[in-house]
Amino acid sequence: VVLALFLGVIYLWAPWKNALNVFSPTVMAEIGSTVIIFMLCFLLNIPLGIVQQVRLAYQEGFANSLWHGIGSLLSVGGILLAIYTRADLPWLALALAGLPVASSLLNGMELFWRKRPWLRPRWKNVDLLAAQHVMKVSFLFFALQIAIALGYQSDTLVIARFLGVDQVTQYAVPMKLFALTGLFLSFFLNPLWPAYREAITRRDMVWVRQTMKRSILLSLALTVPVASFLAVFGKQIIYLWVGPTVTPSPALLLGLGLWVVFTGLSGSLAVFLNGANAVRFLVVCSLLMGISNLMISILLVQYIGLPGVIYGSLIAQLLFIFLPSLIYVPRLLASFSASMASSSLTQA
């Protein structure tokens, strides 16, 4: 509710015409309702996120992936229908953002009304002390999500502002193609989050180390060949997909390929850090990454054009996510092992 009030103020006062670099009278007339739809979907996703976390706590990440896939299929179908019927921009936004929210809602109904009705949230079960503890931790995750949104969702705004709205499609379509690799990889990595937490609680550091090594190897085995293939043949694939309207440059395809590889590696480490409850570290790194990504992308896009946004993201991710994680993860593992060894000696 607080965030809704905050976004409401932004909606009333933000200069959307200048921010999005839009001058078409038709599009300008539809911006208001389109922005409202995106804001509402964003707000609804916050409480619906509880469903996904409960699933993860039961190590049912596959169920989240299944419903996410259903939402994606519904979204694609809705977008195609909106294009076929030449629907207005708000309907397109509803298909893009609203149908995945509907899928999350169905996921919650299946979980709380059919599979585990005893977990359904009830006011009589509220524990203020427990809520206070959860809020302290969840605030960090909320800050992390804001930082991630700033880092990974600002590219299209930079393109629209400095290169024009027509260039957003030239970037968004190739990005969608490359992002499928990360989406597929997340099906394997995300369920490891609660598994890491359980293993650390059980002091099974051998399993933690082996699983992290395997997840990194899996990430490389998936992303390197696929990213290389897409970097070489991405232009032809996109031509078969959407026709001649989108023509990505070799520099853009190379940058997207490198981004996929390093995002996969960073994701493998981030899942462990989440499981290890190293949220503060992730928040700091993600905030630095988001701010630097925005600054570097704005700078590069004015010098090298469209590829500048992905290279800005890549540089920021390497400097503030990947390299710090490479240094911090071994230290964190060593501290867990030392703590467990000390505890064993005390018990002996």
Protein backbone atom coordinates (compact mmCIF):
# COMPACT_ATOMS: atom_id res chain seq x y z
CA VAL A 1 0.00 0.00 0.00
CA VAL A 2 2.83 2.38 0.87
CA LEU A 3 4.57 1.57 -2.40
CA ALA A 4 1.29 2.13 -4.28
CA LEU A 5 1.04 5.63 -2.81
CA PHE A 6 4.66 6.31 -3.75
CA LEU A 7 4.14 5.08 -7.32
CA GLY A 8 0.94 7.11 -7.51
CA VAL A 9 2.88 10.30 -6.79
CA ILE A 10 5.46 9.34 -9.43
CA TYR A 11 2.69 8.63 -11.94
CA LEU A 12 1.09 12.04 -11.41
CA TRP A 13 4.29 14.07 -11.60
CA ALA A 14 6.62 12.11 -13.90
CA PRO A 15 7.16 13.67 -17.38
CA TRP A 16 6.40 10.43 -19.25
CA LYS A 17 6.60 12.08 -22.66
CA ASN A 18 10.21 13.18 -22.12
CA ALA A 19 11.27 10.16 -20.05
CA LEU A 20 10.15 7.70 -22.74
CA ASN A 21 11.03 10.00 -25.63
CA VAL A 22 7.55 9.58 -27.13
CA PHE A 23 6.05 12.09 -29.57
CA SER A 24 3.32 10.12 -31.33
CA PRO A 25 -0.11 11.54 -30.31
CA THR A 26 -1.63 8.03 -30.35
CA VAL A 27 1.03 6.57 -28.08
CA MET A 28 0.96 9.60 -25.78
CA ALA A 29 -2.78 9.11 -25.29
CA GLU A 30 -2.24 5.49 -24.24
CA ILE A 31 0.80 5.94 -21.99
CA GLY A 32 -1.19 6.76 -18.84
CA SER A 33 -3.29 3.59 -18.77
CA THR A 34 -0.33 1.47 -19.88
CA VAL A 35 1.84 2.71 -17.01
CA ILE A 36 -1.01 2.07 -14.54
CA ILE A 37 -1.29 -1.54 -15.76
CA PHE A 38 2.43 -2.15 -15.30
CA MET A 39 2.35 -0.55 -11.83
CA LEU A 40 -0.62 -2.66 -10.72
CA CYS A 41 1.00 -5.87 -11.98
CA PHE A 42 4.21 -4.96 -10.17
CA LEU A 43 2.30 -4.34 -6.92
CA LEU A 44 0.26 -7.55 -7.19
CA ASN A 45 3.41 -9.59 -7.71
CA ILE A 46 4.70 -8.58 -4.26
CA PRO A 47 2.11 -10.48 -2.15
CA LEU A 48 1.95 -13.25 -4.76
CA GLY A 49 5.67 -13.75 -4.20
CA ILE A 50 4.71 -15.44 -0.91
CA VAL A 51 3.44 -18.39 -2.94
CA GLN A 52 6.79 -18.89 -4.64
CA GLN A 53 8.69 -18.67 -1.36
CA VAL A 54 6.46 -21.28 0.27
CA ARG A 55 7.03 -23.54 -2.72
CA LEU A 56 10.79 -23.07 -2.41
CA ALA A 57 10.65 -23.79 1.32
CA TYR A 58 9.13 -27.18 0.45
CA GLN A 59 11.79 -27.56 -2.29
CA GLU A 60 9.09 -27.45 -4.95
CA GLY A 61 10.86 -25.02 -7.24
CA PHE A 62 9.75 -27.19 -10.18
CA ALA A 63 6.14 -26.17 -9.47
CA ASN A 64 7.09 -22.48 -9.65
CA SER A 65 8.87 -23.15 -12.93
CA LEU A 66 5.82 -24.97 -14.30
CA TRP A 67 3.45 -22.12 -13.44
CA HIS A 68 5.98 -19.58 -14.70
CA GLY A 69 6.07 -21.47 -17.99
CA ILE A 70 2.27 -21.46 -18.17
CA GLY A 71 2.29 -17.69 -17.55
CA SER A 72 4.86 -17.18 -20.31
CA LEU A 73 2.80 -19.21 -22.79
CA LEU A 74 -0.34 -17.29 -21.88
CA SER A 75 1.58 -14.03 -22.29
CA VAL A 76 2.90 -14.99 -25.72
CA GLY A 77 -0.59 -16.04 -26.80
CA GLY A 78 -2.06 -12.79 -25.49
CA ILE A 79 0.57 -10.70 -27.26
CA LEU A 80 -0.02 -12.50 -30.57
CA LEU A 81 -3.78 -12.01 -30.16
CA ALA A 82 -3.30 -8.31 -29.38
CA ILE A 83 -1.10 -7.90 -32.46
CA TYR A 84 -3.53 -9.83 -34.67
CA THR A 85 -6.51 -7.77 -33.54
CA ARG A 86 -4.48 -4.53 -33.62
CA ALA A 87 -5.38 -3.87 -30.00
CA ASP A 88 -4.35 -0.69 -28.22
CA LEU A 89 -1.14 -0.44 -26.20
CA PRO A 90 -2.83 -1.03 -22.78
CA TRP A 91 -4.14 -4.41 -23.99
CA LEU A 92 -0.65 -5.32 -25.12
CA ALA A 93 0.70 -4.35 -21.70
CA LEU A 94 -2.00 -6.45 -20.04
CA ALA A 95 -0.99 -9.47 -22.10
CA LEU A 96 2.69 -8.90 -21.36
CA ALA A 97 2.48 -8.24 -17.62
CA GLY A 98 -1.02 -9.21 -16.51
CA LEU A 99 -1.25 -12.82 -17.71
CA PRO A 100 1.92 -13.92 -15.84
CA VAL A 101 0.36 -12.37 -12.70
CA ALA A 102 -2.77 -14.43 -13.34
CA SER A 103 -0.59 -17.53 -13.58
CA SER A 104 0.99 -16.71 -10.20
CA LEU A 105 -2.49 -16.28 -8.73
CA LEU A 106 -3.48 -19.74 -10.00
CA ASN A 107 -0.28 -21.12 -8.48
CA GLY A 108 -1.37 -19.68 -5.11
CA MET A 109 -4.88 -21.07 -5.40
CA GLU A 110 -3.54 -24.53 -6.18
CA LEU A 111 -1.12 -24.36 -3.22
CA PHE A 112 -3.36 -22.80 -0.53
CA TRP A 113 -6.75 -24.23 -1.51
CA ARG A 114 -5.97 -27.67 -2.91
CA LYS A 115 -2.56 -29.01 -1.90
CA ARG A 116 -1.88 -27.40 1.51
CA PRO A 117 -4.98 -25.58 2.76
CA TRP A 118 -3.60 -25.57 6.33
CA LEU A 119 -0.92 -23.10 5.17
CA ARG A 120 -3.49 -20.56 4.03
CA PRO A 121 -2.67 -17.19 5.69
CA ARG A 122 -5.09 -16.31 8.50
CA TRP A 123 -5.21 -13.27 10.76
CA LYS A 124 -5.52 -15.44 13.89
CA ASN A 125 -2.13 -16.99 13.16
CA VAL A 126 -0.28 -13.68 13.07
CA ASP A 127 2.72 -13.58 15.43
CA LEU A 128 4.04 -10.03 15.75
CA LEU A 129 7.45 -11.13 17.06
CA ALA A 130 7.90 -13.56 14.19
CA ALA A 131 6.65 -10.93 11.76
CA GLN A 132 9.20 -8.44 13.08
CA HIS A 133 12.02 -10.93 12.47
CA VAL A 134 10.74 -11.78 9.00
CA MET A 135 10.36 -8.11 8.08
CA LYS A 136 13.99 -7.39 8.94
CA VAL A 137 15.16 -10.09 6.57
CA SER A 138 12.54 -9.43 3.89
CA PHE A 139 13.39 -5.73 3.79
CA LEU A 140 16.87 -6.70 2.64
CA PHE A 141 15.41 -8.92 -0.07
CA PHE A 142 13.09 -6.09 -1.08
CA ALA A 143 16.08 -3.76 -1.40
CA LEU A 144 17.83 -6.49 -3.39
CA GLN A 145 14.91 -6.73 -5.83
CA ILE A 146 14.89 -2.95 -6.31
CA ALA A 147 18.63 -3.02 -6.99
CA ILE A 148 18.22 -5.89 -9.46
CA ALA A 149 15.40 -4.04 -11.24
CA LEU A 150 17.60 -0.96 -11.51
CA GLY A 151 20.47 -3.06 -12.84
CA TYR A 152 18.61 -5.26 -15.31
CA GLN A 153 15.48 -3.32 -16.34
CA SER A 154 16.90 0.14 -17.04
CA ASP A 155 18.45 -0.64 -20.42
CA THR A 156 15.28 -0.09 -22.45
CA LEU A 157 14.67 3.25 -20.75
CA VAL A 158 18.21 4.36 -21.63
CA ILE A 159 17.68 3.30 -25.25
CA ALA A 160 14.32 5.08 -25.50
CA ARG A 161 15.71 8.25 -23.97
CA PHE A 162 18.92 8.54 -26.01
CA LEU A 163 18.26 6.59 -29.22
CA GLY A 164 14.48 6.73 -29.61
CA VAL A 165 11.60 4.35 -28.96
CA ASP A 166 12.02 2.64 -32.35
CA GLN A 167 15.43 1.33 -31.23
CA VAL A 168 13.97 -0.45 -28.19
CA THR A 169 12.66 -3.26 -30.42
CA GLN A 170 16.10 -3.65 -32.01
CA TYR A 171 17.43 -4.43 -28.53
CA ALA A 172 14.47 -6.14 -26.84
CA VAL A 173 13.98 -8.89 -29.44
CA PRO A 174 17.60 -10.17 -29.41
CA MET A 175 17.62 -9.85 -25.61
CA LYS A 176 14.50 -12.05 -25.39
CA LEU A 177 16.21 -14.68 -27.53
CA PHE A 178 19.38 -14.77 -25.43
CA ALA A 179 17.47 -14.53 -22.13
CA LEU A 180 15.79 -17.88 -22.81
CA THR A 181 19.09 -19.56 -21.89
CA GLY A 182 19.11 -17.91 -18.47
CA LEU A 183 15.45 -18.78 -17.95
CA PHE A 184 16.14 -22.44 -18.70
CA LEU A 185 19.18 -22.44 -16.39
CA SER A 186 17.14 -20.92 -13.56
CA PHE A 187 14.90 -24.01 -13.57
CA PHE A 188 17.91 -25.96 -12.26
CA LEU A 189 19.55 -23.30 -10.07
CA ASN A 190 16.63 -21.77 -8.15
CA PRO A 191 15.61 -24.98 -6.32
CA LEU A 192 19.14 -25.12 -4.87
CA TRP A 193 18.45 -22.03 -2.71
CA PRO A 194 16.49 -23.83 0.05
CA ALA A 195 18.62 -26.96 -0.45
CA TYR A 196 21.79 -24.95 0.33
CA ARG A 197 20.12 -23.51 3.41
CA GLU A 198 19.11 -26.92 4.68
CA ALA A 199 22.58 -28.36 4.04
CA ILE A 200 24.27 -25.47 5.85
CA THR A 201 21.90 -25.95 8.78
CA ARG A 202 22.79 -29.66 8.83
CA ARG A 203 26.49 -28.69 8.54
CA ASP A 204 26.91 -30.75 5.37
CA MET A 205 29.58 -28.57 3.78
CA VAL A 206 30.83 -31.41 1.58
CA TRP A 207 27.47 -31.43 -0.21
CA VAL A 208 27.45 -27.62 -0.44
CA ARG A 209 30.89 -27.50 -2.07
CA GLN A 210 30.15 -30.34 -4.48
CA THR A 211 26.79 -28.90 -5.48
CA MET A 212 28.23 -25.44 -6.07
CA LYS A 213 30.98 -26.90 -8.26
CA ARG A 214 28.42 -28.88 -10.25
CA SER A 215 26.13 -25.86 -10.64
CA ILE A 216 29.02 -23.77 -12.03
CA LEU A 217 29.98 -26.54 -14.46
CA LEU A 218 26.34 -26.90 -15.50
CA SER A 219 26.11 -23.16 -16.06
CA LEU A 220 29.19 -23.17 -18.30
CA ALA A 221 28.09 -26.32 -20.15
CA LEU A 222 24.76 -24.71 -20.99
CA THR A 223 25.56 -21.05 -21.56
CA VAL A 224 28.87 -21.20 -23.47
CA PRO A 225 27.69 -23.39 -26.40
CA VAL A 226 24.26 -21.76 -26.63
CA ALA A 227 25.62 -18.20 -26.35
CA SER A 228 28.29 -18.95 -28.97
CA PHE A 229 25.69 -20.40 -31.35
CA LEU A 230 23.35 -17.44 -30.89
CA ALA A 231 26.19 -14.93 -31.29
CA VAL A 232 27.06 -16.48 -34.67
CA PHE A 233 23.60 -17.34 -36.02
CA GLY A 234 21.41 -14.99 -33.98
CA LYS A 235 20.79 -12.62 -36.89
CA GLN A 236 19.46 -15.45 -39.09
CA ILE A 237 17.31 -16.85 -36.26
CA ILE A 238 15.79 -13.44 -35.56
CA TYR A 239 15.09 -12.98 -39.28
CA LEU A 240 13.16 -16.27 -39.32
CA TRP A 241 11.41 -15.24 -36.09
CA VAL A 242 10.27 -11.66 -36.72
CA GLY A 243 11.34 -10.91 -40.29
CA PRO A 244 13.64 -8.17 -41.61
CA THR A 245 12.47 -5.44 -39.21
CA VAL A 246 15.05 -6.37 -36.52
CA THR A 247 18.70 -6.56 -37.62
CA PRO A 248 21.09 -6.90 -34.65
CA SER A 249 24.71 -5.98 -35.20
CA PRO A 250 27.57 -8.47 -34.53
CA ALA A 251 28.73 -6.25 -31.64
CA LEU A 252 25.31 -6.47 -29.99
CA LEU A 253 25.10 -10.26 -30.44
CA LEU A 254 28.61 -10.72 -29.01
CA GLY A 255 27.78 -8.55 -26.00
CA LEU A 256 24.56 -10.48 -25.36
CA GLY A 257 26.45 -13.78 -25.58
CA LEU A 258 29.03 -12.67 -23.02
CA TRP A 259 26.24 -11.32 -20.82
CA VAL A 260 24.48 -14.71 -20.84
CA VAL A 261 27.65 -16.55 -19.78
CA PHE A 262 28.56 -14.23 -16.93
CA THR A 263 24.94 -13.94 -15.79
CA GLY A 264 24.82 -17.74 -15.53
CA LEU A 265 28.03 -17.87 -13.51
CA SER A 266 26.90 -15.03 -11.25
CA GLY A 267 23.55 -16.74 -10.80
CA SER A 268 25.23 -19.96 -9.64
CA LEU A 269 27.08 -18.03 -6.94
CA ALA A 270 24.08 -15.85 -6.04
CA VAL A 271 21.88 -18.88 -5.34
CA PHE A 272 24.43 -20.11 -2.81
CA LEU A 273 24.75 -16.65 -1.23
CA ASN A 274 20.98 -16.47 -0.86
CA GLY A 275 20.95 -19.89 0.74
CA ALA A 276 23.76 -18.81 3.04
CA ASN A 277 21.71 -15.74 4.03
CA ALA A 278 24.43 -13.36 2.79
CA VAL A 279 21.77 -10.88 1.74
CA ARG A 280 23.57 -7.72 2.85
CA PHE A 281 26.51 -8.56 0.61
CA LEU A 282 24.16 -9.11 -2.34
CA VAL A 283 22.27 -5.88 -1.65
CA VAL A 284 25.46 -3.78 -1.60
CA CYS A 285 26.83 -5.44 -4.74
CA SER A 286 23.52 -5.17 -6.60
CA LEU A 287 23.04 -1.50 -5.70
CA LEU A 288 26.56 -0.69 -6.92
CA MET A 289 25.93 -2.76 -10.04
CA GLY A 290 22.60 -1.04 -10.76
CA ILE A 291 23.92 2.49 -10.33
CA SER A 292 27.11 1.84 -12.30
CA ASN A 293 25.19 0.03 -15.04
CA LEU A 294 22.95 3.04 -15.53
CA MET A 295 25.88 5.46 -15.65
CA ILE A 296 28.11 3.34 -17.90
CA SER A 297 25.24 2.48 -20.26
CA ILE A 298 24.30 6.15 -20.67
CA LEU A 299 27.95 6.94 -21.45
CA LEU A 300 28.56 4.06 -23.87
CA VAL A 301 25.28 4.37 -25.75
CA GLN A 302 26.27 7.88 -26.81
CA TYR A 303 29.61 6.66 -28.17
CA ILE A 304 28.95 3.22 -29.67
CA GLY A 305 25.17 3.27 -30.04
CA LEU A 306 22.80 0.41 -29.25
CA PRO A 307 25.42 -2.18 -28.13
CA GLY A 308 26.53 0.27 -25.45
CA VAL A 309 23.69 -0.72 -23.10
CA ILE A 310 24.62 -4.40 -22.98
CA TYR A 311 28.34 -3.66 -22.59
CA GLY A 312 27.46 -1.27 -19.77
CA SER A 313 25.52 -4.08 -18.08
CA LEU A 314 28.38 -6.50 -18.69
CA ILE A 315 31.06 -4.21 -17.25
CA ALA A 316 28.94 -3.37 -14.19
CA GLN A 317 28.13 -7.03 -13.58
CA LEU A 318 31.79 -8.08 -13.82
CA LEU A 319 33.03 -5.33 -11.49
CA PHE A 320 30.32 -5.40 -8.83
CA ILE A 321 28.72 -8.88 -8.95
CA PHE A 322 31.00 -11.52 -10.42
CA LEU A 323 34.43 -10.49 -9.11
CA PRO A 324 33.25 -9.64 -5.55
CA SER A 325 31.40 -12.99 -5.41
CA LEU A 326 34.54 -14.85 -6.48
CA ILE A 327 36.36 -13.28 -3.52
CA TYR A 328 33.57 -13.51 -0.95
CA VAL A 329 32.24 -17.04 -1.56
CA PRO A 330 35.49 -18.89 -0.65
CA ARG A 331 35.81 -16.78 2.50
CA LEU A 332 32.21 -17.54 3.45
CA LEU A 333 32.74 -21.27 2.91
CA ALA A 334 35.90 -21.16 5.01
CA SER A 335 34.08 -19.34 7.81
CA PHE A 336 31.29 -21.96 7.82
CA SER A 337 33.83 -24.78 7.96
CA ALA A 338 35.79 -23.09 10.76
CA SER A 339 32.62 -22.46 12.76
CA MET A 340 31.55 -26.07 12.41
CA ALA A 341 35.00 -27.34 13.37
CA SER A 342 35.01 -25.11 16.46
CA SER A 343 31.54 -26.33 17.42
CA SER A 344 32.63 -29.96 17.06
CA LEU A 345 35.66 -29.38 19.30
CA THR A 346 33.49 -27.67 21.91
CA GLN A 347 31.07 -30.60 21.95
CA ALA A 348 33.98 -33.06 22.20
